[in-house]
C-alpha atoms as a PDB file:
ATOM      1  CA  MET A   1       1.288  37.415 -10.492  1.00  0.00           C
ATOM      2  CA  ALA A   2       2.029  34.942  -7.724  1.00  0.00           C
ATOM      3  CA  ASN A   3       4.645  35.703  -5.174  1.00  0.00           C
ATOM      4  CA  SER A   4       7.962  33.942  -5.788  1.00  0.00           C
ATOM      5  CA  LYS A   5       7.934  32.552  -2.233  1.00  0.00           C
ATOM      6  CA  ILE A   6       4.545  30.958  -2.852  1.00  0.00           C
ATOM      7  CA  LEU A   7       5.728  29.459  -6.143  1.00  0.00           C
ATOM      8  CA  GLU A   8       8.853  28.148  -4.449  1.00  0.00           C
ATOM      9  CA  ALA A   9       6.783  26.578  -1.649  1.00  0.00           C
ATOM     10  CA  LYS A  10       4.486  24.929  -4.195  1.00  0.00           C
ATOM     11  CA  GLN A  11       7.481  23.583  -6.111  1.00  0.00           C
ATOM     12  CA  GLN A  12       8.856  22.089  -2.893  1.00  0.00           C
ATOM     13  CA  VAL A  13       5.543  20.275  -2.335  1.00  0.00           C
ATOM     14  CA  ILE A  14       5.558  19.033  -5.941  1.00  0.00           C
ATOM     15  CA  ASN A  15       9.114  17.767  -5.467  1.00  0.00           C
ATOM     16  CA  GLU A  16       8.127  16.068  -2.202  1.00  0.00           C
ATOM     17  CA  ILE A  17       5.179  14.298  -3.851  1.00  0.00           C
ATOM     18  CA  SER A  18       7.377  13.265  -6.787  1.00  0.00           C
ATOM     19  CA  GLU A  19      10.066  11.823  -4.513  1.00  0.00           C
ATOM     20  CA  ILE A  20       7.537   9.912  -2.437  1.00  0.00           C
ATOM     21  CA  ALA A  21       5.751   8.516  -5.498  1.00  0.00           C
ATOM     22  CA  LYS A  22       9.051   7.540  -7.109  1.00  0.00           C
ATOM     23  CA  ASN A  23      10.566   5.904  -4.010  1.00  0.00           C
ATOM     24  CA  SER A  24       7.486   4.155  -2.597  1.00  0.00           C
ATOM     25  CA  ALA A  25       6.548   0.604  -3.514  1.00  0.00           C
ATOM     26  CA  SER A  26       2.897   1.635  -3.477  1.00  0.00           C
ATOM     27  CA  PHE A  27       1.267   5.051  -3.803  1.00  0.00           C
ATOM     28  CA  ILE A  28      -2.522   4.761  -3.600  1.00  0.00           C
ATOM     29  CA  LEU A  29      -5.036   7.541  -4.156  1.00  0.00           C
ATOM     30  CA  PHE A  30      -8.421   7.355  -2.463  1.00  0.00           C
ATOM     31  CA  ASP A  31     -11.486   9.461  -1.701  1.00  0.00           C
ATOM     32  CA  TYR A  32     -12.014  10.065   1.990  1.00  0.00           C
ATOM     33  CA  ARG A  33     -15.222  12.143   1.793  1.00  0.00           C
ATOM     34  CA  GLY A  34     -17.827  10.953   4.247  1.00  0.00           C
ATOM     35  CA  LEU A  35     -15.362   9.689   6.853  1.00  0.00           C
ATOM     36  CA  THR A  36     -15.687  11.233  10.283  1.00  0.00           C
ATOM     37  CA  ALA A  37     -12.684  12.684  12.079  1.00  0.00           C
ATOM     38  CA  GLU A  38     -12.650   9.636  14.342  1.00  0.00           C
ATOM     39  CA  GLU A  39     -12.667   7.250  11.357  1.00  0.00           C
ATOM     40  CA  THR A  40      -9.889   9.235   9.683  1.00  0.00           C
ATOM     41  CA  THR A  41      -7.801   9.007  12.842  1.00  0.00           C
ATOM     42  CA  MET A  42      -8.454   5.266  13.000  1.00  0.00           C
ATOM     43  CA  LEU A  43      -7.397   4.907   9.346  1.00  0.00           C
ATOM     44  CA  ARG A  44      -4.193   6.874   9.948  1.00  0.00           C
ATOM     45  CA  ARG A  45      -3.395   4.662  12.944  1.00  0.00           C
ATOM     46  CA  LYS A  46      -3.972   1.439  10.985  1.00  0.00           C
ATOM     47  CA  LEU A  47      -1.837   2.692   8.111  1.00  0.00           C
ATOM     48  CA  ARG A  48       0.935   3.720  10.489  1.00  0.00           C
ATOM     49  CA  GLU A  49       0.856   0.273  12.166  1.00  0.00           C
ATOM     50  CA  SER A  50       1.346  -1.367   8.765  1.00  0.00           C
ATOM     51  CA  GLY A  51       4.268   0.924   7.893  1.00  0.00           C
ATOM     52  CA  ALA A  52       2.286   3.137   5.518  1.00  0.00           C
ATOM     53  CA  THR A  53       1.682   6.884   5.596  1.00  0.00           C
ATOM     54  CA  TYR A  54      -1.468   8.886   4.838  1.00  0.00           C
ATOM     55  CA  LYS A  55      -1.253  12.402   3.468  1.00  0.00           C
ATOM     56  CA  VAL A  56      -3.518  14.905   1.728  1.00  0.00           C
ATOM     57  CA  TRP A  57      -2.133  17.285  -0.874  1.00  0.00           C
ATOM     58  CA  LYS A  58      -3.861  19.594  -3.295  1.00  0.00           C
ATOM     59  CA  ASN A  59      -4.891  17.779  -6.469  1.00  0.00           C
ATOM     60  CA  THR A  60      -3.263  20.400  -8.712  1.00  0.00           C
ATOM     61  CA  LEU A  61       0.103  19.901  -7.001  1.00  0.00           C
ATOM     62  CA  ALA A  62      -0.270  16.096  -7.056  1.00  0.00           C
ATOM     63  CA  LYS A  63      -1.181  16.263 -10.759  1.00  0.00           C
ATOM     64  CA  ARG A  64       1.938  18.296 -11.537  1.00  0.00           C
ATOM     65  CA  ALA A  65       4.061  15.802  -9.595  1.00  0.00           C
ATOM     66  CA  MET A  66       2.516  12.856 -11.475  1.00  0.00           C
ATOM     67  CA  ASP A  67       2.995  14.636 -14.796  1.00  0.00           C
ATOM     68  CA  SER A  68       6.674  15.211 -13.979  1.00  0.00           C
ATOM     69  CA  LEU A  69       7.021  11.430 -13.451  1.00  0.00           C
ATOM     70  CA  ASN A  70       5.005  10.630 -16.604  1.00  0.00           C
ATOM     71  CA  TYR A  71       2.217   8.880 -14.665  1.00  0.00           C
ATOM     72  CA  ASP A  72      -1.285   9.389 -16.015  1.00  0.00           C
ATOM     73  CA  LEU A  73      -3.431   9.540 -12.881  1.00  0.00           C
ATOM     74  CA  ASP A  74      -5.677  12.445 -13.893  1.00  0.00           C
ATOM     75  CA  TYR A  75      -8.767  10.235 -13.522  1.00  0.00           C
ATOM     76  CA  CYS A  76      -7.846   9.700  -9.849  1.00  0.00           C
ATOM     77  CA  LEU A  77      -7.327  13.366  -9.063  1.00  0.00           C
ATOM     78  CA  ASN A  78     -10.939  14.495  -9.333  1.00  0.00           C
ATOM     79  CA  GLY A  79     -12.550  15.599  -6.110  1.00  0.00           C
ATOM     80  CA  PRO A  80     -10.873  15.399  -2.714  1.00  0.00           C
ATOM     81  CA  SER A  81      -8.061  12.864  -2.761  1.00  0.00           C
ATOM     82  CA  ALA A  82      -5.795  11.476  -0.107  1.00  0.00           C
ATOM     83  CA  MET A  83      -2.659   9.454  -0.730  1.00  0.00           C
ATOM     84  CA  ALA A  84      -1.345   6.457   1.164  1.00  0.00           C
ATOM     85  CA  TYR A  85       2.154   5.260   0.442  1.00  0.00           C
ATOM     86  CA  SER A  86       4.410   2.530   1.733  1.00  0.00           C
ATOM     87  CA  ASP A  87       7.681   0.719   1.115  1.00  0.00           C
ATOM     88  CA  ASP A  88       5.668  -2.528   1.062  1.00  0.00           C
ATOM     89  CA  SER A  89       3.750  -3.082  -2.177  1.00  0.00           C
ATOM     90  CA  VAL A  90       0.582  -4.385  -0.548  1.00  0.00           C
ATOM     91  CA  ALA A  91       0.559  -2.997   3.025  1.00  0.00           C
ATOM     92  CA  ALA A  92      -1.317   0.231   2.272  1.00  0.00           C
ATOM     93  CA  ILE A  93      -3.582  -1.529  -0.222  1.00  0.00           C
ATOM     94  CA  LYS A  94      -4.621  -4.172   2.316  1.00  0.00           C
ATOM     95  CA  VAL A  95      -5.323  -1.615   5.046  1.00  0.00           C
ATOM     96  CA  LEU A  96      -7.341   0.614   2.702  1.00  0.00           C
ATOM     97  CA  SER A  97      -9.299  -2.328   1.259  1.00  0.00           C
ATOM     98  CA  ASP A  98     -10.110  -3.730   4.691  1.00  0.00           C
ATOM     99  CA  PHE A  99     -11.089  -0.281   5.957  1.00  0.00           C
ATOM    100  CA  ALA A 100     -13.303   0.309   2.891  1.00  0.00           C
ATOM    101  CA  LYS A 101     -15.217  -2.905   3.648  1.00  0.00           C
ATOM    102  CA  GLU A 102     -16.155  -1.539   7.072  1.00  0.00           C
ATOM    103  CA  HIS A 103     -16.541   2.097   5.946  1.00  0.00           C
ATOM    104  CA  PRO A 104     -18.126   2.348   2.474  1.00  0.00           C
ATOM    105  CA  ALA A 105     -17.425   6.103   2.348  1.00  0.00           C
ATOM    106  CA  LEU A 106     -13.766   5.333   1.588  1.00  0.00           C
ATOM    107  CA  GLU A 107     -13.269   4.749  -2.124  1.00  0.00           C
ATOM    108  CA  ILE A 108      -9.961   3.643  -3.654  1.00  0.00           C
ATOM    109  CA  LYS A 109      -9.375   5.434  -6.963  1.00  0.00           C
ATOM    110  CA  GLY A 110      -6.090   4.027  -8.277  1.00  0.00           C
ATOM    111  CA  GLY A 111      -2.399   4.484  -7.820  1.00  0.00           C
ATOM    112  CA  ILE A 112       1.127   3.370  -8.519  1.00  0.00           C
ATOM    113  CA  VAL A 113       2.390  -0.060  -7.486  1.00  0.00           C
ATOM    114  CA  ASP A 114       6.023  -1.033  -8.043  1.00  0.00           C
ATOM    115  CA  GLY A 115       6.573   1.867 -10.436  1.00  0.00           C
ATOM    116  CA  LYS A 116       3.560   1.155 -12.679  1.00  0.00           C
ATOM    117  CA  VAL A 117       0.146   2.768 -12.782  1.00  0.00           C
ATOM    118  CA  ALA A 118      -2.301   0.295 -11.260  1.00  0.00           C
ATOM    119  CA  THR A 119      -5.978   0.208 -12.117  1.00  0.00           C
ATOM    120  CA  LEU A 120      -8.676  -0.294  -9.531  1.00  0.00           C
ATOM    121  CA  GLU A 121      -9.029  -3.942 -10.588  1.00  0.00           C
ATOM    122  CA  GLU A 122      -5.300  -4.579 -10.111  1.00  0.00           C
ATOM    123  CA  ILE A 123      -5.417  -2.944  -6.692  1.00  0.00           C
ATOM    124  CA  LYS A 124      -8.396  -5.117  -5.683  1.00  0.00           C
ATOM    125  CA  GLU A 125      -6.485  -8.200  -6.819  1.00  0.00           C
ATOM    126  CA  LEU A 126      -3.415  -7.158  -4.810  1.00  0.00           C
ATOM    127  CA  SER A 127      -5.569  -6.668  -1.713  1.00  0.00           C
ATOM    128  CA  THR A 128      -6.316 -10.403  -1.661  1.00  0.00           C
ATOM    129  CA  ILE A 129      -2.638 -11.363  -1.329  1.00  0.00           C
ATOM    130  CA  PRO A 130      -1.761 -12.408   2.223  1.00  0.00           C
ATOM    131  CA  SER A 131       0.527 -10.097   4.167  1.00  0.00           C
ATOM    132  CA  ARG A 132       4.261 -10.728   4.361  1.00  0.00           C
ATOM    133  CA  GLU A 133       3.831 -12.277   7.802  1.00  0.00           C
ATOM    134  CA  GLY A 134       1.035 -14.495   6.480  1.00  0.00           C
ATOM    135  CA  LEU A 135       3.179 -15.676   3.579  1.00  0.00           C
ATOM    136  CA  LEU A 136       6.111 -16.407   5.911  1.00  0.00           C
ATOM    137  CA  THR A 137       3.775 -18.368   8.191  1.00  0.00           C
ATOM    138  CA  MET A 138       2.536 -20.400   5.223  1.00  0.00           C
ATOM    139  CA  LEU A 139       6.137 -21.083   4.183  1.00  0.00           C
ATOM    140  CA  ALA A 140       7.109 -22.112   7.711  1.00  0.00           C
ATOM    141  CA  ALA A 141       4.110 -24.443   7.942  1.00  0.00           C
ATOM    142  CA  GLY A 142       5.079 -26.065   4.640  1.00  0.00           C
ATOM    143  CA  LEU A 143       8.675 -26.481   5.747  1.00  0.00           C
ATOM    144  CA  TYR A 144       7.580 -27.830   9.129  1.00  0.00           C
ATOM    145  CA  GLY A 145       5.639 -30.635   7.433  1.00  0.00           C
ATOM    146  CA  THR A 146       8.662 -31.594   5.356  1.00  0.00           C
ATOM    147  CA  VAL A 147      11.024 -31.570   8.353  1.00  0.00           C
ATOM    148  CA  LYS A 148       8.522 -33.600  10.390  1.00  0.00           C
ATOM    149  CA  ASP A 149       8.250 -36.221   7.635  1.00  0.00           C
ATOM    150  CA  LEU A 150      12.048 -36.370   7.333  1.00  0.00           C
ATOM    151  CA  SER A 151      12.463 -36.872  11.083  1.00  0.00           C
ATOM    152  CA  ILE A 152       9.888 -39.694  11.078  1.00  0.00           C
ATOM    153  CA  ALA A 153      11.635 -41.355   8.150  1.00  0.00           C
ATOM    154  CA  LEU A 154      15.060 -41.073   9.820  1.00  0.00           C
ATOM    155  CA  ASN A 155      13.656 -42.423  13.085  1.00  0.00           C
ATOM    156  CA  LEU A 156      12.117 -45.409  11.288  1.00  0.00           C
ATOM    157  CA  LEU A 157      15.389 -45.999   9.434  1.00  0.00           C
ATOM    158  CA  SER A 158      17.395 -45.905  12.676  1.00  0.00           C
ATOM    159  CA  GLU A 159      14.972 -48.342  14.335  1.00  0.00           C
ATOM    160  CA  GLN A 160      15.225 -50.669  11.351  1.00  0.00           C
ATOM    161  CA  LYS A 161      19.047 -50.575  11.397  1.00  0.00           C
ATOM    162  CA  SER A 162      19.185 -51.252  15.141  1.00  0.00           C
ATOM    163  CA  GLU A 163      17.194 -54.500  14.808  1.00  0.00           C
END
């Protein structure tokens, strides 16, 4: 029979995984086999820069955590799996998708996005959404055009009134 300290340590890991999966906007599982140590370090750095975290847990512990949250991700927990999670719904997805384009060894399996199990197709679709900064830039550009047009119209109106 397993030692009670070992069981307690495993339960703490399960609780940690559960809390992270529950409180993260995105929790993505991927296969990292075939990546070199240098590529893995580069991936960790890119994820950290985007505000995401990369972690590897045992599949059996991750499965128990997902079962406790009623998420069916058994199909993702076959073979070595790593997890990337973030408070931004698309940050980790974008980094992983971009990295997978350059490094075909990385394979996204699935995950949880905004509290719902996301399929691989949904994750691929989310990876095409511009980043938050990109969306804000697009909004600012749209507003700039409107403000510019308004200033031209007001200038023309003031010139017309002064004649």
